[in-house]
N, C-alpha and C. Protein backbone atom coordinates (compact mmCIF):
# COMPACT_ATOMS: atom_id res chain seq x y z
N MET A 1 105.42 60.87 146.92
CA MET A 1 106.31 61.02 148.11
C MET A 1 107.30 60.16 148.02
N ASN A 2 108.80 60.82 148.09
CA ASN A 2 109.97 59.68 148.02
C ASN A 2 110.11 59.02 149.15
N ARG A 3 110.99 57.98 149.29
CA ARG A 3 111.03 57.04 150.14
C ARG A 3 111.68 57.77 151.62
N ASN A 4 112.62 58.97 151.57
CA ASN A 4 112.97 59.48 152.83
C ASN A 4 111.72 60.13 153.62
N SER A 5 110.94 60.76 152.62
CA SER A 5 110.06 61.57 153.26
C SER A 5 108.91 60.48 153.95
N LEU A 6 108.49 59.36 153.39
CA LEU A 6 107.69 58.34 153.79
C LEU A 6 108.34 57.91 155.21
N PHE A 7 109.56 57.55 155.26
CA PHE A 7 110.37 57.11 156.44
C PHE A 7 110.14 58.10 157.67
N PHE A 8 110.33 59.48 157.22
CA PHE A 8 110.35 60.50 158.25
C PHE A 8 108.84 60.51 158.76
N LEU A 9 107.94 60.52 157.92
CA LEU A 9 106.46 60.48 158.44
C LEU A 9 106.22 59.36 159.11
N ILE A 10 106.46 58.32 159.02
CA ILE A 10 106.29 56.87 159.96
C ILE A 10 107.00 56.98 161.28
N LEU A 11 108.16 57.52 161.06
CA LEU A 11 108.89 57.84 162.25
C LEU A 11 108.20 58.94 163.17
N LEU A 12 107.88 60.01 162.60
CA LEU A 12 107.28 61.06 163.45
C LEU A 12 105.84 60.29 163.93
N THR A 13 104.91 59.60 163.34
CA THR A 13 103.87 59.18 163.66
C THR A 13 104.14 58.17 164.96
N ALA A 14 105.12 57.28 165.10
CA ALA A 14 105.43 56.51 165.80
C ALA A 14 105.86 57.31 167.07
N ILE A 15 106.77 58.51 167.22
CA ILE A 15 107.03 59.17 168.05
C ILE A 15 105.84 59.88 168.83
N ILE A 16 104.89 60.47 168.08
CA ILE A 16 103.86 61.01 168.56
C ILE A 16 103.07 60.30 169.45
N PHE A 17 102.63 58.96 168.80
CA PHE A 17 101.70 57.94 169.35
C PHE A 17 102.29 57.15 170.36
N GLY A 18 103.68 56.92 170.46
CA GLY A 18 104.23 56.03 171.37
C GLY A 18 104.58 56.75 172.70
N CYS A 19 104.41 58.22 172.80
CA CYS A 19 104.71 58.82 173.92
C CYS A 19 103.38 59.34 174.25
N SER A 20 102.41 58.42 174.51
CA SER A 20 101.02 58.98 175.08
C SER A 20 101.14 59.26 176.62
N LYS A 21 100.45 60.32 177.09
CA LYS A 21 100.27 60.80 178.37
C LYS A 21 98.81 60.24 178.67
N ASN A 22 98.23 59.23 178.29
CA ASN A 22 96.92 58.72 178.63
C ASN A 22 97.08 57.64 179.78
N PRO A 23 96.31 57.62 180.79
CA PRO A 23 96.58 56.51 181.71
C PRO A 23 96.41 55.02 180.97
N GLN A 24 97.19 54.10 181.49
CA GLN A 24 97.32 52.75 181.04
C GLN A 24 96.32 51.72 181.71
N PRO A 25 95.75 50.54 181.47
CA PRO A 25 95.26 49.55 182.27
C PRO A 25 96.55 49.06 183.18
N ILE A 26 96.05 48.85 184.46
CA ILE A 26 97.03 48.15 185.38
C ILE A 26 96.80 46.79 185.13
N SER A 27 98.11 45.99 185.13
CA SER A 27 98.04 44.80 184.86
C SER A 27 98.36 44.04 186.29
N TYR A 28 97.05 43.70 186.77
CA TYR A 28 96.88 43.07 188.43
C TYR A 28 97.60 41.72 188.33
N GLY A 29 98.46 41.79 189.36
CA GLY A 29 99.20 40.43 189.31
C GLY A 29 100.63 40.56 188.60
N GLN A 30 100.80 41.81 188.08
CA GLN A 30 102.02 41.75 187.02
C GLN A 30 102.86 43.16 187.42
N ASP A 31 102.05 44.03 187.56
CA ASP A 31 102.71 45.48 187.85
C ASP A 31 103.20 45.56 189.43
N GLU A 32 104.30 46.10 189.39
CA GLU A 32 104.82 46.45 190.84
C GLU A 32 104.61 47.88 191.40
N CYS A 33 104.27 48.07 192.48
CA CYS A 33 104.08 49.52 193.14
C CYS A 33 105.22 50.07 193.12
N GLU A 34 105.38 51.32 192.89
CA GLU A 34 106.49 52.23 192.72
C GLU A 34 106.96 52.45 194.19
N PHE A 35 106.11 52.62 195.05
CA PHE A 35 106.28 52.94 196.40
C PHE A 35 106.86 51.79 197.17
N CYS A 36 105.99 50.73 197.45
CA CYS A 36 106.33 49.68 198.37
C CYS A 36 106.72 48.42 197.79
N LYS A 37 106.81 48.58 196.47
CA LYS A 37 107.47 47.55 195.55
C LYS A 37 106.67 45.94 195.75
N MET A 38 105.49 46.21 196.11
CA MET A 38 104.53 44.80 196.24
C MET A 38 103.83 44.88 194.75
N ILE A 39 103.54 43.66 194.48
CA ILE A 39 102.66 43.31 193.11
C ILE A 39 101.39 43.83 193.47
N VAL A 40 100.87 44.72 192.58
CA VAL A 40 99.65 45.29 192.57
C VAL A 40 98.63 44.07 192.34
N MET A 41 97.96 43.68 193.36
CA MET A 41 97.01 42.69 193.17
C MET A 41 95.48 42.91 193.16
N ASP A 42 95.15 43.70 193.98
CA ASP A 42 93.51 43.98 194.17
C ASP A 42 93.09 45.18 193.51
N GLU A 43 92.05 44.56 192.62
CA GLU A 43 91.69 45.55 191.60
C GLU A 43 90.70 46.83 192.52
N ARG A 44 90.36 46.69 193.64
CA ARG A 44 89.81 47.72 194.53
C ARG A 44 90.67 48.69 194.82
N TYR A 45 91.80 48.72 194.87
CA TYR A 45 92.78 49.59 195.42
C TYR A 45 93.88 49.96 194.53
N GLY A 46 94.22 49.72 193.48
CA GLY A 46 95.16 50.18 192.40
C GLY A 46 95.13 51.43 192.26
N ALA A 47 96.12 52.18 192.05
CA ALA A 47 96.22 53.76 191.73
C ALA A 47 97.38 53.84 190.64
N GLU A 48 97.20 54.89 189.94
CA GLU A 48 98.22 55.06 188.85
C GLU A 48 98.52 56.78 188.81
N LEU A 49 99.69 57.02 188.49
CA LEU A 49 99.96 58.32 188.14
C LEU A 49 100.66 58.49 186.73
N VAL A 50 100.48 59.34 185.92
CA VAL A 50 100.88 59.80 184.75
C VAL A 50 101.63 61.14 185.05
N THR A 51 102.72 61.18 184.63
CA THR A 51 103.53 62.48 184.64
C THR A 51 103.19 63.19 183.66
N GLY A 52 103.85 64.60 183.50
CA GLY A 52 103.84 65.33 182.48
C GLY A 52 104.41 64.99 181.36
N THR A 53 105.57 64.23 181.66
CA THR A 53 106.33 63.53 180.56
C THR A 53 105.75 62.36 179.82
N GLY A 54 104.82 61.90 180.63
CA GLY A 54 104.11 60.65 179.91
C GLY A 54 104.54 59.36 180.82
N LYS A 55 105.50 59.49 181.84
CA LYS A 55 105.94 58.23 182.57
C LYS A 55 104.78 57.86 183.46
N ILE A 56 104.55 56.67 183.31
CA ILE A 56 103.30 55.93 184.20
C ILE A 56 103.97 54.98 185.37
N TYR A 57 103.37 55.47 186.44
CA TYR A 57 103.63 54.66 187.92
C TYR A 57 102.45 53.89 188.28
N PHE A 58 102.68 52.77 188.87
CA PHE A 58 101.45 52.13 189.37
C PHE A 58 101.56 52.04 191.03
N PHE A 59 100.70 51.92 191.58
CA PHE A 59 100.44 51.69 193.06
C PHE A 59 99.72 50.73 193.58
N ASP A 60 100.11 50.14 194.65
CA ASP A 60 99.06 49.18 195.16
C ASP A 60 97.84 49.63 195.91
N SER A 61 98.10 50.90 196.35
CA SER A 61 96.80 51.67 197.01
C SER A 61 97.09 53.15 196.92
N ILE A 62 96.16 53.89 197.38
CA ILE A 62 95.92 55.44 197.26
C ILE A 62 97.14 55.82 198.39
N GLU A 63 97.18 54.92 199.26
CA GLU A 63 98.16 55.43 200.40
C GLU A 63 99.73 55.42 199.61
N CYS A 64 99.88 54.37 199.35
CA CYS A 64 101.21 54.32 198.40
C CYS A 64 101.34 55.38 197.37
N LEU A 65 100.37 56.05 196.67
CA LEU A 65 100.41 57.07 195.68
C LEU A 65 100.81 58.25 196.57
N VAL A 66 100.26 58.62 197.68
CA VAL A 66 100.40 59.75 198.38
C VAL A 66 101.78 59.60 199.08
N GLY A 67 102.19 58.46 199.60
CA GLY A 67 103.41 58.50 200.18
C GLY A 67 104.39 58.63 199.13
N TYR A 68 104.44 58.20 197.87
CA TYR A 68 105.40 58.61 196.82
C TYR A 68 105.65 59.88 196.60
N LEU A 69 104.19 60.64 196.33
CA LEU A 69 104.34 62.04 196.19
C LEU A 69 104.88 62.95 197.25
N ASP A 70 104.84 62.49 198.53
CA ASP A 70 105.35 63.10 199.65
C ASP A 70 106.86 62.85 199.66
N ASN A 71 107.23 61.80 199.26
CA ASN A 71 108.80 61.53 199.28
C ASN A 71 109.35 62.39 198.08
N GLN A 72 108.62 62.53 196.85
CA GLN A 72 109.10 63.28 195.82
C GLN A 72 109.22 64.91 196.33
N LYS A 73 108.43 65.07 197.18
CA LYS A 73 108.57 66.51 197.77
C LYS A 73 109.50 66.91 198.65
N ILE A 74 109.95 65.72 199.51
CA ILE A 74 111.05 65.61 200.49
C ILE A 74 112.62 65.63 199.49
N ARG A 75 112.59 65.05 198.37
CA ARG A 75 113.73 64.98 197.60
C ARG A 75 113.93 66.30 196.56
N LYS A 76 113.03 66.86 196.47
CA LYS A 76 112.90 68.31 195.83
C LYS A 76 113.25 69.43 196.73
N GLY A 77 113.26 69.09 198.12
CA GLY A 77 113.66 70.07 199.05
C GLY A 77 112.48 71.10 199.57
N ASP A 78 111.24 70.69 199.12
CA ASP A 78 110.06 71.36 199.38
C ASP A 78 109.64 71.32 201.02
């Protein structure tokens, strides 16, 4: 395998595994709620949304998640 092929293989692997669509652990005390902008503190109420493109959003509670989704529908004109 030549050097260019190896570089391409490493780059392709990084792209594939770097764009994971899996949920990630919430960093309580550090992550900010996408809806209300509060720091997510209580492990009993934290929520997470992973979009089809792999973007991850954290929320302080399920109510914030629902509010965020409602706002997205309003912005799209639904």
